[in-house]
């Protein structure tokens, strides 16, 4: 009880700090709004309208901070915290300016807005530094024990272990299929965190139950079955708990809203970004006189084939040998212009036309090439489960994974989306996409000489 009380106390201190910072950001916004109101509205906008503006700004700010995970203390370094908070502040600030201009049918000088944004970013910098130090002062890294089965399952944890500063692994325990809880329970002593990966299901479930009873936090790498069960429907017509698992079937209302959103966003995107697309096309054309666009066959819902449209970032006839392969780090097939447009994601912009046509959607699993998908499915038949829904421009795997993320992990993230599709999740992922546009690691290619993203057969023991 004492440790739990301490945990609540620590979390409360950090939450109060976050709350104060958000109040200060909103206070700066109120000052800016008051300036605009008194300077450009002789009659004023009235208290009610003023409060509506404040409420809308607060809602957008909180949504953006949550979407960009701007308060993930302990999981991100100070620079990433500042980046995430700055992005959230910019989104809220731009939204405020647009709404204020539309509401008053007049353009206003952006100088007060820029002053507001600068002050808010400075507040974020101060909070990120202080909050990060406070977090680690209150929360010393936990001693963690890792239970794994096979070296390949352990490799999947490297990114977690490398980037998570909240724990230090003190023991790695390789378990066998015949192990029971009694064989590993001794390692729970003086342990602050348990991590499992690739552990046989019967033992993993016992470990989870033991962690719950002992109030020990537990990280576990899910299986495909775990993720499929997330989308299961609870049938409450029986005297025993029953889950129904079936293919993803979005309801009519969601399907209608999703398609309407696709049409609106793709049309607006095409119109607004047309100057950027024209300049990009000219740059590609002028570099080597080759075509600015290229089409490639991809797979969408239920395995239907369509031709995806992209700006050409590689030299002409880049796959003259007939072998389908992913781009690698320092790929000599990519042109100088191609490196720039790939880094800025400009090569993806023509897919707005695919979305408008209906071959793709804004949010969904990325469309894979038939040849590469077939290679994956030879070792991982479940990879075809991604095709339950229409292919998308962005998705969970693109936001939280990388270009070279392994197929097994991409499949898991895609199924997480498929099993939890909703308008709110789509909206969140659309805004979250903005964050990764300027993160280089998200476009990291595969290893040299590697045709497709690595697939590790041993992972299937999960």
Foldseek 3Di string as FASTA:
>chain_A
DVVVVLVVVLVVVLVVLVVVLLVVLLVLVLVLVVCCQVVPPVVGPDPVVSVVLSVVLSVQLVLQCVLLVLPPAQQAALVSNLLSNLLSLVVSLVVSQVVVCVVVVHHDDCVSSVVSSVVSSVSSSVCSVVSNVSSCVSQPAWEEEEEEADPVQVVVCPVVQVRGRNHDYDYYHYDDQPDACVVCVVVCPSGQEYEYTLHFPRRVVVVVVVCVVVVHHYHYDDALVVLQQLLWDWDPPDPDTDTHGDFQDDDPVQVVVQLVVLQVCLVVLCVVCVVVLVVLQVVVCVPPVDGQKDWAWWAWAPRDIDTAIWGDQFDPCLPVVVAQFWAAVVRPRGDPSSVVCLLQVVRRSVNSVVSNVPQAGAEAAATDHPVVLVVVCVLPVCLCSSNSHTHHSFYQCLLPHAQLPASSVSSSRRSNCSSDPDPVVSVSRVSSVVSCSNPRRRHHGAHPPHGHRDDDSSSNSD
